[in-house]
N, C-alpha and C. Protein backbone atom coordinates (compact mmCIF):
# COMPACT_ATOMS: atom_id res chain seq x y z
N MET A 1 -147.82 -40.91 -172.22
CA MET A 1 -147.86 -39.67 -172.28
C MET A 1 -148.27 -39.08 -171.17
N THR A 2 -147.48 -38.14 -170.70
CA THR A 2 -148.02 -37.18 -169.43
C THR A 2 -148.82 -36.12 -169.70
N GLN A 3 -149.75 -35.75 -168.81
CA GLN A 3 -150.75 -34.62 -168.95
C GLN A 3 -150.11 -33.53 -168.26
N ALA A 4 -149.97 -32.42 -168.94
CA ALA A 4 -149.50 -31.20 -168.29
C ALA A 4 -150.58 -30.66 -167.09
N THR A 5 -150.00 -30.28 -165.97
CA THR A 5 -150.75 -29.78 -164.92
C THR A 5 -151.08 -28.37 -165.20
N PRO A 6 -152.37 -28.09 -165.11
CA PRO A 6 -152.80 -26.62 -165.27
C PRO A 6 -152.13 -25.59 -164.31
N ILE A 7 -151.60 -24.54 -164.80
CA ILE A 7 -150.98 -23.47 -163.86
C ILE A 7 -152.11 -22.71 -163.39
N THR A 8 -152.39 -22.54 -162.14
CA THR A 8 -153.28 -21.48 -161.65
C THR A 8 -152.69 -20.16 -161.22
N LEU A 9 -153.08 -19.11 -161.91
CA LEU A 9 -152.48 -17.89 -161.46
C LEU A 9 -153.45 -17.13 -160.61
N PHE A 10 -154.76 -17.37 -160.64
CA PHE A 10 -155.69 -16.63 -159.76
C PHE A 10 -155.39 -16.91 -158.23
N ASN A 11 -155.16 -15.87 -157.43
CA ASN A 11 -154.87 -16.08 -156.03
C ASN A 11 -153.69 -16.99 -155.75
N SER A 12 -152.75 -17.10 -156.70
CA SER A 12 -151.53 -17.93 -156.53
C SER A 12 -150.60 -16.93 -155.79
N PRO A 13 -149.48 -17.75 -155.33
CA PRO A 13 -148.50 -16.92 -154.74
C PRO A 13 -147.83 -15.88 -155.68
N LEU A 14 -147.81 -16.18 -156.93
CA LEU A 14 -147.31 -15.19 -157.93
C LEU A 14 -148.20 -13.99 -157.96
N GLU A 15 -149.50 -14.09 -158.08
CA GLU A 15 -150.49 -12.90 -158.06
C GLU A 15 -150.35 -12.13 -157.00
N THR A 16 -150.45 -12.74 -155.75
CA THR A 16 -150.52 -12.07 -154.51
C THR A 16 -149.19 -11.50 -154.10
N GLY A 17 -148.14 -12.18 -154.48
CA GLY A 17 -146.83 -11.47 -154.40
C GLY A 17 -146.58 -10.33 -155.22
N VAL A 18 -146.93 -10.36 -156.48
CA VAL A 18 -146.87 -9.09 -157.34
C VAL A 18 -147.79 -7.98 -156.77
N ARG A 19 -148.95 -8.39 -156.27
CA ARG A 19 -149.75 -7.32 -155.62
C ARG A 19 -149.04 -6.62 -154.45
N SER A 20 -148.50 -7.52 -153.57
CA SER A 20 -147.59 -6.94 -152.48
C SER A 20 -146.49 -6.20 -152.84
N VAL A 21 -145.82 -6.48 -154.07
CA VAL A 21 -144.83 -5.59 -154.54
C VAL A 21 -145.26 -4.26 -154.87
N LEU A 22 -146.47 -4.29 -155.56
CA LEU A 22 -147.13 -2.82 -156.16
C LEU A 22 -147.56 -2.20 -154.73
N ILE A 23 -148.09 -2.93 -153.92
CA ILE A 23 -148.56 -2.13 -152.67
C ILE A 23 -147.24 -1.54 -151.97
N LEU A 24 -146.23 -2.34 -151.79
CA LEU A 24 -145.08 -1.84 -151.04
C LEU A 24 -144.48 -0.76 -151.87
N ASN A 25 -144.40 -0.80 -153.11
CA ASN A 25 -143.95 0.24 -153.91
C ASN A 25 -144.68 1.55 -153.79
N ALA A 26 -146.01 1.49 -153.69
CA ALA A 26 -146.88 2.66 -153.48
C ALA A 26 -146.64 3.26 -152.14
N ALA A 27 -146.14 2.34 -151.22
CA ALA A 27 -146.00 2.78 -149.74
C ALA A 27 -144.64 3.47 -149.65
N ASP A 28 -143.86 3.77 -150.73
CA ASP A 28 -142.69 4.46 -150.60
C ASP A 28 -141.74 4.01 -149.49
N PHE A 29 -141.43 2.81 -149.49
CA PHE A 29 -140.44 2.16 -148.67
C PHE A 29 -140.85 2.18 -147.27
N ARG A 30 -142.18 2.43 -146.96
CA ARG A 30 -142.68 1.90 -145.63
C ARG A 30 -142.78 0.49 -145.40
N ALA A 31 -142.73 0.04 -144.26
CA ALA A 31 -142.76 -1.50 -144.06
C ALA A 31 -144.02 -1.87 -143.33
N PHE A 32 -144.60 -2.96 -143.68
CA PHE A 32 -145.81 -3.54 -142.93
C PHE A 32 -145.64 -4.89 -142.54
N ASP A 33 -146.33 -5.42 -141.64
CA ASP A 33 -146.45 -6.81 -141.09
C ASP A 33 -147.27 -7.48 -142.04
N LEU A 34 -147.28 -8.79 -141.83
CA LEU A 34 -148.24 -9.83 -142.67
C LEU A 34 -149.64 -9.39 -142.57
N THR A 35 -150.07 -9.19 -141.28
CA THR A 35 -151.48 -8.76 -141.05
C THR A 35 -151.92 -7.55 -142.05
N HIS A 36 -151.11 -6.51 -141.91
CA HIS A 36 -151.47 -5.39 -142.51
C HIS A 36 -151.49 -5.47 -144.00
N LEU A 37 -150.48 -6.35 -144.45
CA LEU A 37 -150.31 -6.54 -145.98
C LEU A 37 -151.53 -7.34 -146.43
N THR A 38 -151.89 -8.44 -145.60
CA THR A 38 -153.10 -9.12 -145.92
C THR A 38 -154.41 -8.10 -146.03
N TRP A 39 -154.64 -7.24 -145.09
CA TRP A 39 -155.63 -6.37 -145.24
C TRP A 39 -155.51 -5.33 -146.51
N LEU A 40 -154.36 -4.98 -146.57
CA LEU A 40 -154.04 -3.96 -147.88
C LEU A 40 -154.29 -4.90 -149.08
N ASP A 41 -153.86 -6.12 -149.08
CA ASP A 41 -154.17 -6.86 -150.42
C ASP A 41 -155.65 -7.09 -150.72
N HIS A 42 -156.36 -7.18 -149.63
CA HIS A 42 -157.90 -7.18 -149.90
C HIS A 42 -158.43 -5.84 -150.32
N LEU A 43 -158.02 -4.86 -149.67
CA LEU A 43 -158.45 -3.46 -149.89
C LEU A 43 -158.17 -2.87 -151.32
N VAL A 44 -156.82 -3.39 -151.71
CA VAL A 44 -156.43 -2.72 -153.13
C VAL A 44 -157.20 -3.40 -154.14
N VAL A 45 -157.96 -4.46 -154.10
CA VAL A 45 -158.83 -5.05 -155.06
C VAL A 45 -160.29 -4.57 -154.83
N HIS A 46 -160.62 -4.24 -153.59
CA HIS A 46 -161.99 -3.86 -153.20
C HIS A 46 -161.99 -2.39 -152.79
N THR A 47 -161.36 -1.49 -153.50
CA THR A 47 -161.27 -0.15 -153.03
C THR A 47 -162.54 0.55 -152.93
N SER A 48 -163.59 0.29 -153.67
CA SER A 48 -164.89 0.93 -153.61
C SER A 48 -165.58 0.65 -152.13
N ASP A 49 -165.10 -0.50 -151.36
CA ASP A 49 -165.55 -0.76 -150.12
C ASP A 49 -165.31 0.39 -149.06
N ILE A 50 -164.21 1.19 -149.40
CA ILE A 50 -163.86 2.36 -148.52
C ILE A 50 -163.88 3.66 -149.30
N GLY A 51 -164.80 3.82 -150.00
CA GLY A 51 -164.92 5.18 -150.86
C GLY A 51 -163.97 5.40 -151.84
N GLY A 52 -163.18 4.43 -152.35
CA GLY A 52 -162.23 4.66 -153.33
C GLY A 52 -162.52 4.39 -154.80
N PRO A 53 -161.78 4.28 -155.72
CA PRO A 53 -162.07 4.05 -157.06
C PRO A 53 -162.85 2.66 -157.20
N ARG A 54 -163.48 2.49 -158.19
CA ARG A 54 -164.09 1.24 -158.64
C ARG A 54 -163.23 0.04 -158.37
N SER A 55 -163.83 -0.87 -157.55
CA SER A 55 -163.00 -2.08 -157.32
C SER A 55 -162.51 -2.80 -158.50
N LEU A 56 -161.38 -3.43 -158.35
CA LEU A 56 -160.73 -4.24 -159.41
C LEU A 56 -161.57 -5.60 -159.52
N HIS A 57 -161.92 -6.11 -158.41
CA HIS A 57 -162.56 -7.53 -158.22
C HIS A 57 -163.91 -7.32 -157.88
N PRO A 58 -164.82 -8.26 -158.34
CA PRO A 58 -166.22 -8.23 -158.18
C PRO A 58 -166.67 -8.28 -156.71
N ASP A 59 -167.64 -7.60 -156.29
CA ASP A 59 -168.23 -7.77 -154.99
C ASP A 59 -168.92 -8.86 -154.90
N ILE A 60 -168.52 -9.78 -153.86
CA ILE A 60 -169.23 -10.91 -153.50
C ILE A 60 -169.69 -11.04 -152.23
N PRO A 61 -170.90 -11.70 -151.91
CA PRO A 61 -171.31 -11.75 -150.46
C PRO A 61 -170.28 -12.53 -149.60
N GLN A 62 -170.39 -12.24 -148.31
CA GLN A 62 -169.56 -13.01 -147.22
C GLN A 62 -168.02 -12.98 -147.65
N ARG A 63 -167.45 -11.65 -148.01
CA ARG A 63 -166.18 -11.68 -148.39
C ARG A 63 -165.04 -11.74 -147.06
N ASP A 64 -165.68 -11.68 -145.73
CA ASP A 64 -164.85 -11.63 -144.68
C ASP A 64 -164.10 -12.94 -144.65
N GLY A 65 -164.81 -14.11 -144.90
CA GLY A 65 -164.15 -15.13 -144.78
C GLY A 65 -162.91 -15.48 -146.01
N GLU A 66 -162.82 -14.55 -146.76
CA GLU A 66 -161.90 -14.55 -147.93
C GLU A 66 -160.50 -14.15 -147.19
N LEU A 67 -160.35 -13.52 -146.17
CA LEU A 67 -159.23 -13.17 -145.39
C LEU A 67 -158.31 -14.37 -144.91
N ILE A 68 -159.18 -15.41 -144.50
CA ILE A 68 -158.58 -16.46 -143.87
C ILE A 68 -157.71 -17.28 -145.03
N VAL A 69 -158.14 -17.31 -146.18
CA VAL A 69 -157.45 -17.97 -147.43
C VAL A 69 -156.44 -16.93 -147.81
N ARG A 70 -156.53 -15.69 -147.95
CA ARG A 70 -155.97 -14.52 -148.53
C ARG A 70 -154.53 -14.52 -147.64
N ARG A 71 -154.60 -14.65 -146.41
CA ARG A 71 -153.40 -14.45 -145.54
C ARG A 71 -152.41 -15.46 -145.92
N ARG A 72 -152.84 -16.60 -146.15
CA ARG A 72 -151.74 -17.75 -146.61
C ARG A 72 -151.30 -17.42 -147.99
N ASN A 73 -152.02 -17.00 -148.80
CA ASN A 73 -151.66 -16.64 -150.25
C ASN A 73 -150.71 -15.53 -150.16
N VAL A 74 -150.93 -14.42 -149.42
CA VAL A 74 -150.09 -13.20 -149.16
C VAL A 74 -148.74 -13.72 -148.56
N GLU A 75 -148.80 -14.65 -147.63
CA GLU A 75 -147.59 -14.99 -147.03
C GLU A 75 -146.74 -15.87 -147.99
N ASP A 76 -147.37 -16.78 -148.81
CA ASP A 76 -146.67 -17.55 -149.86
C ASP A 76 -146.03 -16.64 -150.94
N GLY A 77 -146.80 -15.60 -151.15
CA GLY A 77 -146.51 -14.57 -152.29
C GLY A 77 -145.23 -13.74 -151.76
N LEU A 78 -145.23 -13.32 -150.58
CA LEU A 78 -144.03 -12.67 -149.95
C LEU A 78 -142.86 -13.58 -149.87
N ARG A 79 -142.97 -14.79 -149.61
CA ARG A 79 -141.93 -15.66 -149.57
C ARG A 79 -141.36 -15.73 -151.05
N LEU A 80 -142.18 -15.92 -152.09
CA LEU A 80 -141.74 -15.89 -153.46
C LEU A 80 -140.96 -14.65 -153.68
N MET A 81 -141.43 -13.42 -153.46
CA MET A 81 -140.91 -12.28 -153.76
C MET A 81 -139.59 -12.01 -152.97
N ARG A 82 -139.55 -12.52 -151.83
CA ARG A 82 -138.13 -12.41 -151.03
C ARG A 82 -137.16 -13.34 -151.86
N ARG A 83 -137.54 -14.55 -152.31
CA ARG A 83 -136.54 -15.41 -153.10
C ARG A 83 -136.10 -14.59 -154.43
N LEU A 84 -137.06 -13.85 -154.97
CA LEU A 84 -136.61 -13.03 -156.08
C LEU A 84 -136.04 -11.65 -155.80
N GLN A 85 -135.79 -11.38 -154.45
CA GLN A 85 -135.24 -10.21 -154.01
C GLN A 85 -136.08 -9.02 -154.45
N LEU A 86 -137.38 -8.94 -154.59
CA LEU A 86 -138.07 -7.90 -154.71
C LEU A 86 -138.69 -7.22 -153.56
N VAL A 87 -138.54 -8.20 -152.40
CA VAL A 87 -139.17 -7.59 -151.10
C VAL A 87 -138.09 -8.20 -150.09
N THR A 88 -137.94 -7.40 -149.03
CA THR A 88 -136.85 -7.74 -147.87
C THR A 88 -137.74 -7.78 -146.52
N THR A 89 -137.05 -8.45 -145.59
CA THR A 89 -137.79 -8.31 -144.23
C THR A 89 -136.95 -7.73 -143.25
N ASP A 90 -137.62 -6.94 -142.39
CA ASP A 90 -136.98 -6.25 -141.22
C ASP A 90 -137.41 -6.97 -140.04
N TYR A 91 -136.45 -7.48 -139.18
CA TYR A 91 -136.86 -8.02 -138.06
C TYR A 91 -136.62 -7.00 -136.96
N THR A 92 -137.92 -6.64 -136.28
CA THR A 92 -137.80 -5.49 -135.30
C THR A 92 -138.41 -5.94 -133.96
N SER A 93 -138.57 -5.14 -132.99
CA SER A 93 -139.14 -5.37 -131.86
C SER A 93 -140.71 -5.41 -132.05
N GLU A 94 -141.20 -4.93 -133.10
CA GLU A 94 -142.82 -4.95 -133.40
C GLU A 94 -143.01 -6.28 -134.14
N GLY A 95 -142.07 -6.91 -134.59
CA GLY A 95 -142.20 -8.21 -135.33
C GLY A 95 -141.64 -8.07 -136.72
N ILE A 96 -142.00 -9.11 -137.59
CA ILE A 96 -141.37 -9.16 -138.93
C ILE A 96 -142.20 -8.17 -139.87
N LEU A 97 -141.39 -7.31 -140.47
CA LEU A 97 -142.08 -6.25 -141.48
C LEU A 97 -141.48 -6.48 -142.89
N TYR A 98 -142.30 -6.22 -143.72
CA TYR A 98 -141.87 -6.33 -145.12
C TYR A 98 -141.67 -5.07 -145.82
N ARG A 99 -140.73 -4.96 -146.75
CA ARG A 99 -140.39 -3.67 -147.42
C ARG A 99 -139.96 -3.99 -148.81
N ILE A 100 -140.19 -3.04 -149.78
CA ILE A 100 -139.89 -3.27 -151.11
C ILE A 100 -138.31 -3.03 -151.26
N THR A 101 -137.63 -3.78 -152.13
CA THR A 101 -136.16 -3.51 -152.39
C THR A 101 -136.10 -2.60 -153.65
N GLU A 102 -134.95 -2.03 -153.90
CA GLU A 102 -134.77 -1.31 -155.06
C GLU A 102 -135.12 -2.09 -156.42
N ASP A 103 -134.81 -3.50 -156.41
CA ASP A 103 -135.17 -4.37 -157.54
C ASP A 103 -136.76 -4.38 -157.62
N GLY A 104 -137.42 -4.44 -156.53
CA GLY A 104 -138.77 -4.49 -156.40
C GLY A 104 -139.53 -3.24 -156.93
N ALA A 105 -138.81 -2.09 -156.68
CA ALA A 105 -139.36 -0.73 -157.21
C ALA A 105 -139.12 -0.77 -158.71
N GLN A 106 -138.02 -1.18 -159.20
CA GLN A 106 -137.73 -1.26 -160.60
C GLN A 106 -138.75 -2.29 -161.37
N PHE A 107 -138.94 -3.44 -160.71
CA PHE A 107 -140.03 -4.54 -161.22
C PHE A 107 -141.25 -3.79 -161.39
N SER A 108 -141.75 -2.94 -160.47
CA SER A 108 -142.98 -2.33 -160.48
C SER A 108 -143.28 -1.34 -161.66
N GLN A 109 -142.07 -0.79 -162.17
CA GLN A 109 -142.20 -0.05 -163.26
C GLN A 109 -142.55 -0.78 -164.63
N LEU A 110 -141.98 -1.96 -164.46
CA LEU A 110 -142.21 -2.85 -165.72
C LEU A 110 -143.68 -3.35 -165.84
N VAL A 111 -144.45 -3.37 -164.73
CA VAL A 111 -145.92 -3.77 -164.91
C VAL A 111 -146.66 -2.72 -165.66
N ARG A 112 -147.02 -3.15 -166.87
CA ARG A 112 -147.74 -2.14 -167.80
C ARG A 112 -149.09 -2.62 -168.30
N SER A 113 -149.52 -3.69 -167.93
CA SER A 113 -150.78 -4.31 -168.59
C SER A 113 -151.93 -3.33 -168.07
N ASP A 114 -152.94 -3.36 -168.75
CA ASP A 114 -154.09 -2.54 -168.26
C ASP A 114 -154.39 -2.96 -166.92
N TYR A 115 -154.65 -4.14 -166.59
CA TYR A 115 -154.92 -4.51 -165.07
C TYR A 115 -153.81 -4.02 -164.13
N GLY A 116 -152.64 -4.21 -164.51
CA GLY A 116 -151.36 -3.80 -163.72
C GLY A 116 -151.33 -2.28 -163.41
N ARG A 117 -151.78 -1.54 -164.45
CA ARG A 117 -151.74 -0.06 -164.35
C ARG A 117 -152.92 0.39 -163.34
N ARG A 118 -154.04 -0.34 -163.55
CA ARG A 118 -155.12 0.09 -162.56
C ARG A 118 -154.97 -0.26 -161.14
N LEU A 119 -154.22 -1.61 -161.15
CA LEU A 119 -153.80 -2.07 -159.77
C LEU A 119 -152.81 -1.00 -159.08
N LYS A 120 -151.75 -0.63 -159.76
CA LYS A 120 -150.84 0.38 -159.39
C LYS A 120 -151.65 1.70 -158.95
N ASP A 121 -152.50 2.13 -159.77
CA ASP A 121 -153.34 3.27 -159.35
C ASP A 121 -154.01 3.10 -157.97
N ARG A 122 -154.62 2.06 -157.93
CA ARG A 122 -155.39 1.72 -156.59
C ARG A 122 -154.58 1.53 -155.49
N ALA A 123 -153.23 0.92 -155.59
CA ALA A 123 -152.17 0.98 -154.57
C ALA A 123 -151.92 2.16 -154.01
N ILE A 124 -151.61 3.19 -155.09
CA ILE A 124 -151.12 4.52 -154.72
C ILE A 124 -152.36 5.18 -153.98
N TRP A 125 -153.64 5.10 -154.50
CA TRP A 125 -154.65 5.75 -153.70
C TRP A 125 -154.93 5.12 -152.36
N LEU A 126 -154.62 3.91 -152.25
CA LEU A 126 -154.74 3.14 -150.99
C LEU A 126 -153.68 3.66 -150.07
N MET A 127 -152.42 3.85 -150.55
CA MET A 127 -151.37 4.18 -149.53
C MET A 127 -151.70 5.68 -149.19
N ASP A 128 -152.25 6.48 -149.99
CA ASP A 128 -152.50 7.86 -149.63
C ASP A 128 -153.62 7.85 -148.65
N TYR A 129 -154.72 7.03 -148.80
CA TYR A 129 -155.83 6.83 -147.80
C TYR A 129 -155.50 6.54 -146.46
N VAL A 130 -154.63 5.31 -146.36
CA VAL A 130 -154.00 4.70 -145.22
C VAL A 130 -153.08 5.67 -144.55
N GLY A 131 -152.38 6.33 -145.20
CA GLY A 131 -151.39 7.37 -144.71
C GLY A 131 -151.91 8.48 -143.97
N ARG A 132 -153.33 8.93 -144.27
CA ARG A 132 -154.11 9.88 -143.74
C ARG A 132 -154.79 9.47 -142.31
N ILE A 133 -154.63 8.20 -142.01
CA ILE A 133 -155.36 7.87 -140.72
C ILE A 133 -154.47 7.00 -139.85
N ASP A 134 -154.77 7.23 -138.58
CA ASP A 134 -153.67 6.59 -137.69
C ASP A 134 -154.07 5.07 -137.53
N GLY A 135 -153.15 4.31 -136.74
CA GLY A 135 -153.29 2.90 -136.75
C GLY A 135 -154.66 2.44 -136.11
N ALA A 136 -155.08 3.17 -135.16
CA ALA A 136 -156.37 2.66 -134.39
C ALA A 136 -157.52 2.82 -135.33
N GLU A 137 -157.46 3.85 -136.01
CA GLU A 137 -158.56 4.16 -137.11
C GLU A 137 -158.53 3.14 -138.22
N PHE A 138 -157.32 2.72 -138.59
CA PHE A 138 -157.32 1.72 -139.62
C PHE A 138 -157.98 0.49 -139.29
N VAL A 139 -157.57 0.06 -137.92
CA VAL A 139 -158.08 -1.15 -137.35
C VAL A 139 -159.56 -1.13 -137.34
N ARG A 140 -160.08 0.14 -136.91
CA ARG A 140 -161.47 0.33 -136.76
C ARG A 140 -162.18 0.23 -138.14
N MET A 141 -161.68 0.72 -139.18
CA MET A 141 -162.17 0.62 -140.41
C MET A 141 -162.10 -0.73 -140.98
N ILE A 142 -161.12 -1.44 -140.71
CA ILE A 142 -161.00 -2.82 -141.06
C ILE A 142 -162.18 -3.72 -140.45
N SER A 143 -162.24 -3.38 -139.07
CA SER A 143 -163.41 -4.16 -138.34
C SER A 143 -164.74 -3.70 -138.92
N GLU A 144 -164.96 -2.58 -139.43
CA GLU A 144 -166.30 -2.25 -139.95
C GLU A 144 -166.53 -2.92 -141.31
N LYS A 145 -165.50 -2.71 -142.10
CA LYS A 145 -165.65 -3.19 -143.52
C LYS A 145 -165.37 -4.58 -143.80
N ILE A 146 -164.50 -5.18 -143.06
CA ILE A 146 -163.99 -6.60 -143.40
C ILE A 146 -164.70 -7.64 -142.32
N GLY A 147 -164.79 -7.15 -140.98
CA GLY A 147 -165.21 -7.95 -139.97
C GLY A 147 -164.58 -8.09 -138.68
N ARG A 148 -165.17 -8.10 -137.68
CA ARG A 148 -164.45 -8.15 -136.46
C ARG A 148 -163.69 -9.54 -136.22
N TRP A 149 -164.46 -10.63 -136.54
CA TRP A 149 -163.81 -11.88 -136.55
C TRP A 149 -162.53 -11.98 -137.13
N SER A 150 -162.39 -11.45 -138.40
CA SER A 150 -161.13 -11.52 -139.24
C SER A 150 -160.05 -10.63 -138.38
N ILE A 151 -160.38 -9.51 -137.85
CA ILE A 151 -159.36 -8.84 -137.15
C ILE A 151 -158.82 -9.69 -136.03
N GLU A 152 -159.67 -10.15 -135.26
CA GLU A 152 -159.28 -11.10 -133.80
C GLU A 152 -158.49 -12.27 -134.46
N PHE A 153 -158.98 -12.88 -135.41
CA PHE A 153 -158.23 -14.15 -135.85
C PHE A 153 -156.81 -13.79 -136.48
N GLN A 154 -156.74 -12.63 -137.00
CA GLN A 154 -155.36 -12.34 -137.65
C GLN A 154 -154.50 -11.45 -136.72
N SER A 155 -154.98 -11.00 -135.63
CA SER A 155 -154.17 -9.91 -134.92
C SER A 155 -152.80 -10.44 -134.45
N GLU A 156 -151.76 -9.65 -134.78
CA GLU A 156 -150.47 -10.10 -134.39
C GLU A 156 -149.83 -9.29 -133.46
N GLY A 157 -150.61 -8.48 -132.74
CA GLY A 157 -150.06 -7.66 -131.69
C GLY A 157 -150.16 -6.24 -132.10
N ASN A 158 -149.16 -5.46 -131.91
CA ASN A 158 -149.00 -4.03 -132.16
C ASN A 158 -149.46 -3.81 -133.55
N VAL A 159 -150.48 -2.82 -133.77
CA VAL A 159 -150.85 -2.47 -134.97
C VAL A 159 -150.63 -1.02 -135.35
N SER A 160 -149.95 -0.91 -136.50
CA SER A 160 -149.58 0.56 -136.92
C SER A 160 -150.02 0.78 -138.32
N ASN A 161 -149.72 1.89 -138.83
CA ASN A 161 -149.97 2.09 -140.25
C ASN A 161 -148.77 2.23 -141.09
N GLY A 162 -147.80 1.29 -140.91
CA GLY A 162 -146.60 1.20 -141.44
C GLY A 162 -145.37 2.02 -140.76
N SER A 163 -144.22 1.58 -141.08
CA SER A 163 -143.11 2.19 -140.38
C SER A 163 -142.25 3.25 -141.41
């Protein structure tokens, strides 16, 4: 008799991929690189850290190390969402940028659970917040809220607030 392997959804590629789709949907077809999507993935569940609505995930100490693990999860999630054609990549002189597809936008409308609705609300709030600050201010805010070491570890070059 074989024993079933438990499926882990918490911080799985599926969970982070769906969050990326919802973030990119709220971004109104703007594109972001992996570093920015990793930061946005962190911020969308910790919105109270930047003066936003109540965070979806609990505040735990030493969360700056969370980004090291989160980056890989976001990357794996984006890869899954690309295979499902919910996200596409743009290869530009600034690097690889991720953007939602029409199918991804339609999928976003199907997310209707209580958690999903609250996540979409926070993604919309976050995109509005990020859209009001320039790239340098965004990096400064990430440095203050998440940690300088995380910024340096993840830096991929040119930093902007989306295309």
